[in-house]
């Protein structure tokens, strides 16, 4: 990921999205609950929310704006957490934190 770019981040969810009630993604600079959420995205089965299904696969596209990329420190790790809500059950499957890195740009705004 690079600052000052507009792109779609494909995120593979290892569940059939037809069986998912909602998927939440949050992005934080630091690995603590107290750290502020700098970006979030939700996707619902009816297609509403900021995320969108890529083709008919178990992949959700999360759109990043140039402004959002500037919220994260260049050359430092930041973290994505995911929560998946399945249809017909209160259970939420276990997911892992994902470490990502935002690279700086040499281009000017």
Protein backbone atom coordinates (compact mmCIF):
# COMPACT_ATOMS: atom_id res chain seq x y z
CA UNK A 1 0.00 0.00 0.00
CA UNK A 2 1.27 3.43 -0.88
CA UNK A 3 0.31 6.87 0.36
CA UNK A 4 -1.60 9.20 -1.96
CA UNK A 5 -3.06 6.39 -4.04
CA UNK A 6 -6.69 5.50 -4.66
CA UNK A 7 -7.16 1.73 -4.84
CA UNK A 8 -9.29 -1.28 -3.96
CA UNK A 9 -7.87 -3.68 -1.37
CA UNK A 10 -9.18 -7.21 -2.03
CA UNK A 11 -9.72 -9.13 1.22
CA UNK A 12 -10.46 -12.83 1.02
CA UNK A 13 -12.94 -14.00 3.65
CA UNK A 14 -12.71 -17.75 4.15
CA UNK A 15 -16.49 -18.14 4.36
CA UNK A 16 -19.23 -18.39 1.78
CA UNK A 17 -20.43 -14.77 1.67
CA UNK A 18 -23.97 -16.02 1.02
CA UNK A 19 -23.92 -17.34 4.62
CA UNK A 20 -22.55 -14.14 6.15
CA UNK A 21 -24.78 -11.52 7.79
CA UNK A 22 -22.11 -8.83 8.03
CA UNK A 23 -18.34 -8.38 7.80
CA UNK A 24 -16.55 -5.55 9.60
CA UNK A 25 -13.00 -4.40 8.97
CA UNK A 26 -11.17 -1.88 11.14
CA UNK A 27 -7.74 -0.42 10.56
CA UNK A 28 -5.57 1.00 13.36
CA UNK A 29 -2.03 2.29 13.49
CA UNK A 30 -1.32 0.40 16.73
CA UNK A 31 -2.21 -3.06 18.09
CA UNK A 32 -4.23 -1.89 21.08
CA UNK A 33 -7.93 -1.60 21.77
CA UNK A 34 -7.34 1.99 22.89
CA UNK A 35 -5.81 3.05 19.57
CA UNK A 36 -8.22 5.07 17.45
CA UNK A 37 -9.86 3.46 14.44
CA UNK A 38 -8.46 5.32 11.43
CA UNK A 39 -10.54 3.49 8.81
CA UNK A 40 -13.46 1.10 8.96
CA UNK A 41 -15.58 -0.71 6.42
CA UNK A 42 -18.69 -2.92 6.59
CA UNK A 43 -20.33 -5.19 4.05
CA UNK A 44 -23.86 -6.60 4.31
CA UNK A 45 -25.49 -9.40 2.25
CA UNK A 46 -27.81 -6.97 0.47
CA UNK A 47 -24.75 -5.24 -0.95
CA UNK A 48 -24.99 -2.22 1.32
CA UNK A 49 -22.01 -0.87 3.19
CA UNK A 50 -18.69 0.46 1.99
CA UNK A 51 -17.23 -2.90 0.97
CA UNK A 52 -18.31 -4.71 -2.17
CA UNK A 53 -18.19 -8.31 -3.31
CA UNK A 54 -15.63 -9.02 -6.00
CA UNK A 55 -17.20 -11.29 -8.60
CA UNK A 56 -18.95 -14.24 -6.94
CA UNK A 57 -16.01 -15.20 -4.78
CA UNK A 58 -15.42 -14.93 -1.05
CA UNK A 59 -13.55 -11.67 -1.57
CA UNK A 60 -14.57 -8.19 -0.46
CA UNK A 61 -13.15 -5.05 -1.99
CA UNK A 62 -12.33 -2.21 0.40
CA UNK A 63 -11.90 1.15 -1.31
CA UNK A 64 -9.10 3.40 -0.07
CA UNK A 65 -8.96 7.10 -0.90
CA UNK A 66 -5.82 9.18 -1.17
CA UNK A 67 -6.82 11.00 2.01
CA UNK A 68 -7.27 7.76 3.97
CA UNK A 69 -3.80 6.54 3.05
CA UNK A 70 -2.34 9.69 4.60
CA UNK A 71 -3.87 8.82 8.01
CA UNK A 72 -1.26 6.07 8.46
CA UNK A 73 2.40 6.61 9.26
CA UNK A 74 4.71 5.87 6.31
CA UNK A 75 7.08 2.93 6.65
CA UNK A 76 5.35 1.73 9.81
CA UNK A 77 3.13 -1.27 10.42
CA UNK A 78 -0.58 -0.83 10.95
CA UNK A 79 -3.22 -3.44 11.64
CA UNK A 80 -6.49 -4.74 10.24
CA UNK A 81 -8.96 -6.62 12.40
CA UNK A 82 -12.00 -8.44 11.04
CA UNK A 83 -15.27 -9.55 12.57
CA UNK A 84 -17.56 -11.91 10.66
CA UNK A 85 -21.21 -12.35 11.63
CA UNK A 86 -22.81 -15.52 10.27
CA UNK A 87 -26.50 -15.79 9.38
CA UNK A 88 -28.65 -17.66 11.90
CA UNK A 89 -26.09 -17.85 14.73
CA UNK A 90 -24.70 -15.47 17.33
CA UNK A 91 -21.25 -17.03 16.87
CA UNK A 92 -18.46 -14.99 15.33
CA UNK A 93 -15.63 -17.05 13.85
CA UNK A 94 -12.11 -16.43 15.08
CA UNK A 95 -10.02 -14.16 12.87
CA UNK A 96 -6.45 -12.93 13.11
CA UNK A 97 -4.95 -9.47 13.14
CA UNK A 98 -3.24 -8.69 9.86
CA UNK A 99 -0.15 -6.49 9.81
CA UNK A 100 0.10 -4.13 6.84
CA UNK A 101 2.61 -1.48 5.87
CA UNK A 102 1.96 1.89 4.30
CA UNK A 103 4.80 3.04 2.10
CA UNK A 104 5.51 6.71 1.51
CA UNK A 105 5.27 8.39 -1.85
CA UNK A 106 7.83 10.61 -3.52
CA UNK A 107 5.06 12.38 -5.41
CA UNK A 108 3.47 15.57 -4.13
CA UNK A 109 -0.23 16.03 -3.49
